[in-house]
Amino acid sequence: MPTMTLSVPEDLQVLIKKHNHIKWSEIARRAMWDYARKMEILDQLTANSELTDEDVHELDKVLKAALSKHYPEK
C-alpha cells in the first residue's frame, strides 16, 4: 500500500498526540474514502450535464442569495 504524508496544524497535532492510542491513519483513510465516493457520485451525476461553468456560477449565486434571504444570519 502506498504511503501518504499529511501536514496538519500544530494545534491539531497536539490533540492527536494526546490520543496516540487511536489509529489516526485509519480515520484519515476512511475520511478520504468517504469523500472520494461522494466525488464519484458527483461525477456520475454531472457526466451528461450540458451546463457550462458560467451556468453553474450563475446558479450558485441565485441559490446562495435565496438561502441567505431564507436563513438570515443571527
PDB file of N, CA and C in Angstrom:
ATOM      1  N   MET A   1       0.849  -1.168   0.000  1.00  0.00           N
ATOM      2  CA  MET A   1       0.000   0.000   0.000  1.00  0.00           C
ATOM      3  C   MET A   1       0.900   1.239   0.000  1.00  0.00           C
ATOM      4  N   PRO A   2       0.599   2.221  -0.879  1.00  0.00           N
ATOM      5  CA  PRO A   2       1.388   3.448  -0.899  1.00  0.00           C
ATOM      6  C   PRO A   2       1.238   4.231   0.404  1.00  0.00           C
ATOM      7  N   THR A   3       2.227   5.045   0.692  1.00  0.00           N
ATOM      8  CA  THR A   3       2.232   5.865   1.898  1.00  0.00           C
ATOM      9  C   THR A   3       1.989   7.316   1.515  1.00  0.00           C
ATOM     10  N   MET A   4       1.230   8.017   2.364  1.00  0.00           N
ATOM     11  CA  MET A   4       0.954   9.430   2.147  1.00  0.00           C
ATOM     12  C   MET A   4       1.329  10.182   3.416  1.00  0.00           C
ATOM     13  N   THR A   5       1.933  11.332   3.258  1.00  0.00           N
ATOM     14  CA  THR A   5       2.276  12.175   4.395  1.00  0.00           C
ATOM     15  C   THR A   5       1.338  13.372   4.400  1.00  0.00           C
ATOM     16  N   LEU A   6       0.767  13.679   5.556  1.00  0.00           N
ATOM     17  CA  LEU A   6      -0.154  14.806   5.680  1.00  0.00           C
ATOM     18  C   LEU A   6       0.452  15.891   6.549  1.00  0.00           C
ATOM     19  N   SER A   7       0.164  17.116   6.208  1.00  0.00           N
ATOM     20  CA  SER A   7       0.537  18.238   7.057  1.00  0.00           C
ATOM     21  C   SER A   7      -0.705  18.657   7.832  1.00  0.00           C
ATOM     22  N   VAL A   8      -0.542  18.851   9.128  1.00  0.00           N
ATOM     23  CA  VAL A   8      -1.656  19.293   9.966  1.00  0.00           C
ATOM     24  C   VAL A   8      -1.189  20.483  10.798  1.00  0.00           C
ATOM     25  N   PRO A   9      -2.127  21.365  11.172  1.00  0.00           N
ATOM     26  CA  PRO A   9      -1.750  22.484  12.023  1.00  0.00           C
ATOM     27  C   PRO A   9      -1.246  21.983  13.382  1.00  0.00           C
ATOM     28  N   GLU A  10      -0.411  22.783  14.021  1.00  0.00           N
ATOM     29  CA  GLU A  10       0.174  22.369  15.299  1.00  0.00           C
ATOM     30  C   GLU A  10      -0.880  22.051  16.355  1.00  0.00           C
ATOM     31  N   ASP A  11      -1.945  22.870  16.419  1.00  0.00           N
ATOM     32  CA  ASP A  11      -2.963  22.617  17.446  1.00  0.00           C
ATOM     33  C   ASP A  11      -3.658  21.273  17.230  1.00  0.00           C
ATOM     34  N   LEU A  12      -3.822  20.860  15.979  1.00  0.00           N
ATOM     35  CA  LEU A  12      -4.385  19.538  15.706  1.00  0.00           C
ATOM     36  C   LEU A  12      -3.398  18.448  16.097  1.00  0.00           C
ATOM     37  N   GLN A  13      -2.128  18.661  15.799  1.00  0.00           N
ATOM     38  CA  GLN A  13      -1.114  17.670  16.155  1.00  0.00           C
ATOM     39  C   GLN A  13      -1.073  17.450  17.669  1.00  0.00           C
ATOM     40  N   VAL A  14      -1.236  18.519  18.440  1.00  0.00           N
ATOM     41  CA  VAL A  14      -1.251  18.395  19.900  1.00  0.00           C
ATOM     42  C   VAL A  14      -2.396  17.484  20.335  1.00  0.00           C
ATOM     43  N   LEU A  15      -3.571  17.701  19.761  1.00  0.00           N
ATOM     44  CA  LEU A  15      -4.727  16.863  20.106  1.00  0.00           C
ATOM     45  C   LEU A  15      -4.514  15.414  19.688  1.00  0.00           C
ATOM     46  N   ILE A  16      -3.954  15.217  18.505  1.00  0.00           N
ATOM     47  CA  ILE A  16      -3.705  13.862  18.016  1.00  0.00           C
ATOM     48  C   ILE A  16      -2.714  13.144  18.934  1.00  0.00           C
ATOM     49  N   LYS A  17      -1.668  13.828  19.319  1.00  0.00           N
ATOM     50  CA  LYS A  17      -0.646  13.209  20.194  1.00  0.00           C
ATOM     51  C   LYS A  17      -1.223  12.835  21.556  1.00  0.00           C
ATOM     52  N   LYS A  18      -2.220  13.595  22.035  1.00  0.00           N
ATOM     53  CA  LYS A  18      -2.858  13.277  23.317  1.00  0.00           C
ATOM     54  C   LYS A  18      -3.552  11.919  23.266  1.00  0.00           C
ATOM     55  N   HIS A  19      -3.976  11.549  22.066  1.00  0.00           N
ATOM     56  CA  HIS A  19      -4.752  10.313  21.902  1.00  0.00           C
ATOM     57  C   HIS A  19      -4.016   9.367  20.958  1.00  0.00           C
ATOM     58  N   ASN A  20      -2.791   9.032  21.328  1.00  0.00           N
ATOM     59  CA  ASN A  20      -1.977   8.202  20.454  1.00  0.00           C
ATOM     60  C   ASN A  20      -2.433   6.751  20.386  1.00  0.00           C
ATOM     61  N   HIS A  21      -3.424   6.375  21.191  1.00  0.00           N
ATOM     62  CA  HIS A  21      -3.981   5.026  21.134  1.00  0.00           C
ATOM     63  C   HIS A  21      -4.917   4.861  19.936  1.00  0.00           C
ATOM     64  N   ILE A  22      -5.316   5.990  19.350  1.00  0.00           N
ATOM     65  CA  ILE A  22      -6.228   5.969  18.202  1.00  0.00           C
ATOM     66  C   ILE A  22      -5.416   5.760  16.929  1.00  0.00           C
ATOM     67  N   LYS A  23      -5.936   4.935  16.031  1.00  0.00           N
ATOM     68  CA  LYS A  23      -5.286   4.692  14.746  1.00  0.00           C
ATOM     69  C   LYS A  23      -5.689   5.815  13.780  1.00  0.00           C
ATOM     70  N   TRP A  24      -4.965   6.921  13.868  1.00  0.00           N
ATOM     71  CA  TRP A  24      -5.301   8.102  13.094  1.00  0.00           C
ATOM     72  C   TRP A  24      -5.214   7.848  11.598  1.00  0.00           C
ATOM     73  N   SER A  25      -4.311   6.992  11.190  1.00  0.00           N
ATOM     74  CA  SER A  25      -4.212   6.705   9.757  1.00  0.00           C
ATOM     75  C   SER A  25      -5.487   6.028   9.251  1.00  0.00           C
ATOM     76  N   GLU A  26      -6.097   5.200  10.089  1.00  0.00           N
ATOM     77  CA  GLU A  26      -7.348   4.548   9.701  1.00  0.00           C
ATOM     78  C   GLU A  26      -8.478   5.574   9.597  1.00  0.00           C
ATOM     79  N   ILE A  27      -8.517   6.513  10.519  1.00  0.00           N
ATOM     80  CA  ILE A  27      -9.541   7.557  10.465  1.00  0.00           C
ATOM     81  C   ILE A  27      -9.364   8.397   9.202  1.00  0.00           C
ATOM     82  N   ALA A  28      -8.127   8.769   8.895  1.00  0.00           N
ATOM     83  CA  ALA A  28      -7.857   9.547   7.686  1.00  0.00           C
ATOM     84  C   ALA A  28      -8.230   8.754   6.434  1.00  0.00           C
ATOM     85  N   ARG A  29      -7.882   7.477   6.415  1.00  0.00           N
ATOM     86  CA  ARG A  29      -8.192   6.613   5.263  1.00  0.00           C
ATOM     87  C   ARG A  29      -9.703   6.541   5.045  1.00  0.00           C
ATOM     88  N   ARG A  30     -10.458   6.341   6.118  1.00  0.00           N
ATOM     89  CA  ARG A  30     -11.930   6.261   5.994  1.00  0.00           C
ATOM     90  C   ARG A  30     -12.521   7.581   5.521  1.00  0.00           C
ATOM     91  N   ALA A  31     -12.010   8.687   6.053  1.00  0.00           N
ATOM     92  CA  ALA A  31     -12.497  10.002   5.636  1.00  0.00           C
ATOM     93  C   ALA A  31     -12.219  10.243   4.152  1.00  0.00           C
ATOM     94  N   MET A  32     -11.042   9.849   3.695  1.00  0.00           N
ATOM     95  CA  MET A  32     -10.711  10.029   2.286  1.00  0.00           C
ATOM     96  C   MET A  32     -11.570   9.140   1.397  1.00  0.00           C
ATOM     97  N   TRP A  33     -11.819   7.906   1.824  1.00  0.00           N
ATOM     98  CA  TRP A  33     -12.704   7.018   1.056  1.00  0.00           C
ATOM     99  C   TRP A  33     -14.098   7.637   0.952  1.00  0.00           C
ATOM    100  N   ASP A  34     -14.606   8.137   2.066  1.00  0.00           N
ATOM    101  CA  ASP A  34     -15.940   8.728   2.091  1.00  0.00           C
ATOM    102  C   ASP A  34     -16.014   9.909   1.119  1.00  0.00           C
ATOM    103  N   TYR A  35     -15.030  10.778   1.179  1.00  0.00           N
ATOM    104  CA  TYR A  35     -15.013  11.945   0.300  1.00  0.00           C
ATOM    105  C   TYR A  35     -14.855  11.520  -1.155  1.00  0.00           C
ATOM    106  N   ALA A  36     -13.975  10.563  -1.420  1.00  0.00           N
ATOM    107  CA  ALA A  36     -13.757  10.081  -2.794  1.00  0.00           C
ATOM    108  C   ALA A  36     -15.033   9.457  -3.366  1.00  0.00           C
ATOM    109  N   ARG A  37     -15.764   8.722  -2.555  1.00  0.00           N
ATOM    110  CA  ARG A  37     -17.037   8.124  -3.016  1.00  0.00           C
ATOM    111  C   ARG A  37     -18.043   9.213  -3.370  1.00  0.00           C
ATOM    112  N   LYS A  38     -18.102  10.261  -2.544  1.00  0.00           N
ATOM    113  CA  LYS A  38     -19.003  11.381  -2.841  1.00  0.00           C
ATOM    114  C   LYS A  38     -18.613  12.052  -4.147  1.00  0.00           C
ATOM    115  N   MET A  39     -17.319  12.186  -4.393  1.00  0.00           N
ATOM    116  CA  MET A  39     -16.864  12.790  -5.639  1.00  0.00           C
ATOM    117  C   MET A  39     -17.229  11.915  -6.836  1.00  0.00           C
ATOM    118  N   GLU A  40     -17.150  10.606  -6.678  1.00  0.00           N
ATOM    119  CA  GLU A  40     -17.542   9.686  -7.749  1.00  0.00           C
ATOM    120  C   GLU A  40     -19.027   9.832  -8.067  1.00  0.00           C
ATOM    121  N   ILE A  41     -19.848   9.939  -7.040  1.00  0.00           N
ATOM    122  CA  ILE A  41     -21.294  10.139  -7.249  1.00  0.00           C
ATOM    123  C   ILE A  41     -21.525  11.454  -7.977  1.00  0.00           C
ATOM    124  N   LEU A  42     -20.837  12.500  -7.545  1.00  0.00           N
ATOM    125  CA  LEU A  42     -20.967  13.798  -8.200  1.00  0.00           C
ATOM    126  C   LEU A  42     -20.547  13.710  -9.665  1.00  0.00           C
ATOM    127  N   ASP A  43     -19.460  13.015  -9.939  1.00  0.00           N
ATOM    128  CA  ASP A  43     -19.008  12.834 -11.323  1.00  0.00           C
ATOM    129  C   ASP A  43     -20.066  12.115 -12.157  1.00  0.00           C
ATOM    130  N   GLN A  44     -20.686  11.093 -11.574  1.00  0.00           N
ATOM    131  CA  GLN A  44     -21.724  10.342 -12.295  1.00  0.00           C
ATOM    132  C   GLN A  44     -22.951  11.215 -12.559  1.00  0.00           C
ATOM    133  N   LEU A  45     -23.318  12.014 -11.560  1.00  0.00           N
ATOM    134  CA  LEU A  45     -24.498  12.873 -11.715  1.00  0.00           C
ATOM    135  C   LEU A  45     -24.289  13.953 -12.768  1.00  0.00           C
ATOM    136  N   THR A  46     -23.075  14.416 -12.902  1.00  0.00           N
ATOM    137  CA  THR A  46     -22.805  15.526 -13.821  1.00  0.00           C
ATOM    138  C   THR A  46     -22.201  15.088 -15.156  1.00  0.00           C
ATOM    139  N   ALA A  47     -22.002  13.812 -15.346  1.00  0.00           N
ATOM    140  CA  ALA A  47     -21.329  13.317 -16.557  1.00  0.00           C
ATOM    141  C   ALA A  47     -22.028  13.765 -17.840  1.00  0.00           C
ATOM    142  N   ASN A  48     -23.327  13.789 -17.843  1.00  0.00           N
ATOM    143  CA  ASN A  48     -24.067  14.131 -19.059  1.00  0.00           C
ATOM    144  C   ASN A  48     -24.655  15.539 -19.017  1.00  0.00           C
ATOM    145  N   SER A  49     -24.204  16.338 -18.085  1.00  0.00           N
ATOM    146  CA  SER A  49     -24.714  17.695 -17.941  1.00  0.00           C
ATOM    147  C   SER A  49     -24.289  18.564 -19.112  1.00  0.00           C
ATOM    148  N   GLU A  50     -25.201  19.430 -19.531  1.00  0.00           N
ATOM    149  CA  GLU A  50     -24.890  20.371 -20.599  1.00  0.00           C
ATOM    150  C   GLU A  50     -24.645  21.771 -20.043  1.00  0.00           C
ATOM    151  N   LEU A  51     -24.621  21.894 -18.710  1.00  0.00           N
ATOM    152  CA  LEU A  51     -24.374  23.195 -18.096  1.00  0.00           C
ATOM    153  C   LEU A  51     -22.921  23.599 -18.295  1.00  0.00           C
ATOM    154  N   THR A  52     -22.719  24.888 -18.553  1.00  0.00           N
ATOM    155  CA  THR A  52     -21.367  25.411 -18.647  1.00  0.00           C
ATOM    156  C   THR A  52     -20.918  25.872 -17.261  1.00  0.00           C
ATOM    157  N   ASP A  53     -19.651  26.170 -17.118  1.00  0.00           N
ATOM    158  CA  ASP A  53     -19.150  26.710 -15.855  1.00  0.00           C
ATOM    159  C   ASP A  53     -19.874  28.010 -15.510  1.00  0.00           C
ATOM    160  N   GLU A  54     -20.130  28.809 -16.526  1.00  0.00           N
ATOM    161  CA  GLU A  54     -20.847  30.070 -16.314  1.00  0.00           C
ATOM    162  C   GLU A  54     -22.254  29.813 -15.776  1.00  0.00           C
ATOM    163  N   ASP A  55     -22.940  28.807 -16.328  1.00  0.00           N
ATOM    164  CA  ASP A  55     -24.275  28.439 -15.837  1.00  0.00           C
ATOM    165  C   ASP A  55     -24.218  28.039 -14.370  1.00  0.00           C
ATOM    166  N   VAL A  56     -23.221  27.252 -14.034  1.00  0.00           N
ATOM    167  CA  VAL A  56     -23.074  26.766 -12.664  1.00  0.00           C
ATOM    168  C   VAL A  56     -22.822  27.927 -11.705  1.00  0.00           C
ATOM    169  N   HIS A  57     -21.967  28.862 -12.091  1.00  0.00           N
ATOM    170  CA  HIS A  57     -21.685  30.019 -11.240  1.00  0.00           C
ATOM    171  C   HIS A  57     -22.928  30.892 -11.058  1.00  0.00           C
ATOM    172  N   GLU A  58     -23.719  31.035 -12.103  1.00  0.00           N
ATOM    173  CA  GLU A  58     -24.949  31.822 -12.001  1.00  0.00           C
ATOM    174  C   GLU A  58     -25.950  31.134 -11.073  1.00  0.00           C
ATOM    175  N   LEU A  59     -26.115  29.818 -11.223  1.00  0.00           N
ATOM    176  CA  LEU A  59     -26.990  29.070 -10.317  1.00  0.00           C
ATOM    177  C   LEU A  59     -26.506  29.172  -8.873  1.00  0.00           C
ATOM    178  N   ASP A  60     -25.205  29.119  -8.683  1.00  0.00           N
ATOM    179  CA  ASP A  60     -24.616  29.243  -7.357  1.00  0.00           C
ATOM    180  C   ASP A  60     -25.009  30.572  -6.722  1.00  0.00           C
ATOM    181  N   LYS A  61     -24.888  31.663  -7.488  1.00  0.00           N
ATOM    182  CA  LYS A  61     -25.243  32.987  -6.965  1.00  0.00           C
ATOM    183  C   LYS A  61     -26.727  33.056  -6.592  1.00  0.00           C
ATOM    184  N   VAL A  62     -27.581  32.538  -7.467  1.00  0.00           N
ATOM    185  CA  VAL A  62     -29.022  32.573  -7.231  1.00  0.00           C
ATOM    186  C   VAL A  62     -29.385  31.764  -5.981  1.00  0.00           C
ATOM    187  N   LEU A  63     -28.814  30.568  -5.868  1.00  0.00           N
ATOM    188  CA  LEU A  63     -29.112  29.717  -4.713  1.00  0.00           C
ATOM    189  C   LEU A  63     -28.613  30.334  -3.410  1.00  0.00           C
ATOM    190  N   LYS A  64     -27.392  30.862  -3.420  1.00  0.00           N
ATOM    191  CA  LYS A  64     -26.847  31.479  -2.211  1.00  0.00           C
ATOM    192  C   LYS A  64     -27.665  32.685  -1.786  1.00  0.00           C
ATOM    193  N   ALA A  65     -28.110  33.485  -2.751  1.00  0.00           N
ATOM    194  CA  ALA A  65     -28.942  34.644  -2.432  1.00  0.00           C
ATOM    195  C   ALA A  65     -30.266  34.204  -1.812  1.00  0.00           C
ATOM    196  N   ALA A  66     -30.873  33.174  -2.392  1.00  0.00           N
ATOM    197  CA  ALA A  66     -32.152  32.679  -1.869  1.00  0.00           C
ATOM    198  C   ALA A  66     -31.975  32.087  -0.473  1.00  0.00           C
ATOM    199  N   LEU A  67     -30.899  31.340  -0.275  1.00  0.00           N
ATOM    200  CA  LEU A  67     -30.661  30.746   1.045  1.00  0.00           C
ATOM    201  C   LEU A  67     -30.376  31.808   2.098  1.00  0.00           C
ATOM    202  N   SER A  68     -29.599  32.825   1.747  1.00  0.00           N
ATOM    203  CA  SER A  68     -29.298  33.861   2.730  1.00  0.00           C
ATOM    204  C   SER A  68     -30.535  34.691   3.063  1.00  0.00           C
ATOM    205  N   LYS A  69     -31.446  34.823   2.119  1.00  0.00           N
ATOM    206  CA  LYS A  69     -32.702  35.522   2.391  1.00  0.00           C
ATOM    207  C   LYS A  69     -33.603  34.672   3.277  1.00  0.00           C
ATOM    208  N   HIS A  70     -33.625  33.366   3.016  1.00  0.00           N
ATOM    209  CA  HIS A  70     -34.477  32.451   3.785  1.00  0.00           C
ATOM    210  C   HIS A  70     -33.927  32.179   5.161  1.00  0.00           C
ATOM    211  N   TYR A  71     -32.603  32.112   5.285  1.00  0.00           N
ATOM    212  CA  TYR A  71     -31.934  31.827   6.548  1.00  0.00           C
ATOM    213  C   TYR A  71     -30.975  32.982   6.900  1.00  0.00           C
ATOM    214  N   PRO A  72     -31.534  34.107   7.308  1.00  0.00           N
ATOM    215  CA  PRO A  72     -30.649  35.244   7.615  1.00  0.00           C
ATOM    216  C   PRO A  72     -29.737  34.932   8.800  1.00  0.00           C
ATOM    217  N   GLU A  73     -28.535  35.535   8.765  1.00  0.00           N
ATOM    218  CA  GLU A  73     -27.591  35.345   9.876  1.00  0.00           C
ATOM    219  C   GLU A  73     -28.136  36.010  11.124  1.00  0.00           C
ATOM    220  N   LYS A  74     -27.837  35.404  12.258  1.00  0.00           N
ATOM    221  CA  LYS A  74     -28.313  35.971  13.532  1.00  0.00           C
ATOM    222  C   LYS A  74     -27.225  36.718  14.213  1.00  0.00           C
TER     223      LYS A  74
END
